[in-house]
């Protein structure tokens, strides 16, 4: 696994960041979208696709 280092704006709480990381770790196919209003993350959308 490759380590990624970045700075987190003050508008992203530790709880939100943990949730985003959790989504990134569990998703296999799909996308994760951050919705931002006035410079603050207000929603995280996860769209997961399943291949059959």
Protein backbone atom coordinates (compact mmCIF):
# COMPACT_ATOMS: atom_id res chain seq x y z
CA UNK A 1 0.00 0.00 0.00
CA UNK A 2 1.29 3.45 -0.91
CA UNK A 3 1.30 6.10 1.81
CA UNK A 4 -0.31 9.40 0.87
CA UNK A 5 0.56 12.58 2.74
CA UNK A 6 -1.54 15.74 2.49
CA UNK A 7 -2.65 18.65 4.60
CA UNK A 8 -6.26 18.80 5.72
CA UNK A 9 -8.11 22.12 5.80
CA UNK A 10 -9.58 23.12 9.17
CA UNK A 11 -13.06 22.72 7.67
CA UNK A 12 -12.65 18.91 7.58
CA UNK A 13 -13.18 17.40 11.02
CA UNK A 14 -11.33 14.29 12.10
CA UNK A 15 -14.63 12.38 12.06
CA UNK A 16 -15.33 13.37 8.43
CA UNK A 17 -11.78 12.49 7.42
CA UNK A 18 -12.05 9.05 9.05
CA UNK A 19 -15.33 8.40 7.21
CA UNK A 20 -13.77 9.40 3.87
CA UNK A 21 -10.78 7.11 4.48
CA UNK A 22 -13.15 4.28 5.45
CA UNK A 23 -15.04 4.68 2.16
CA UNK A 24 -11.77 4.71 0.21
CA UNK A 25 -10.61 1.52 1.88
CA UNK A 26 -13.83 -0.43 1.32
CA UNK A 27 -14.90 0.62 -2.19
CA UNK A 28 -13.91 -1.64 -5.09
CA UNK A 29 -15.75 -0.07 -8.05
CA UNK A 30 -17.47 3.30 -8.01
CA UNK A 31 -16.84 6.85 -6.90
CA UNK A 32 -16.69 9.08 -3.84
CA UNK A 33 -17.81 12.69 -4.13
CA UNK A 34 -17.19 15.46 -1.61
CA UNK A 35 -19.89 18.14 -1.58
CA UNK A 36 -18.52 21.49 -0.42
CA UNK A 37 -20.45 24.65 0.54
CA UNK A 38 -18.70 27.85 1.59
CA UNK A 39 -15.37 26.02 1.73
CA UNK A 40 -16.64 23.31 4.12
CA UNK A 41 -17.28 19.64 3.43
CA UNK A 42 -21.02 19.19 4.03
CA UNK A 43 -21.63 15.80 2.44
CA UNK A 44 -19.77 12.72 1.29
CA UNK A 45 -21.50 10.69 -1.42
CA UNK A 46 -20.42 7.14 -2.16
CA UNK A 47 -21.60 5.40 -5.32
CA UNK A 48 -20.57 1.76 -5.45
CA UNK A 49 -21.07 -0.37 -8.52
CA UNK A 50 -21.40 -4.12 -8.44
CA UNK A 51 -20.35 -6.23 -11.40
CA UNK A 52 -22.52 -9.27 -12.06
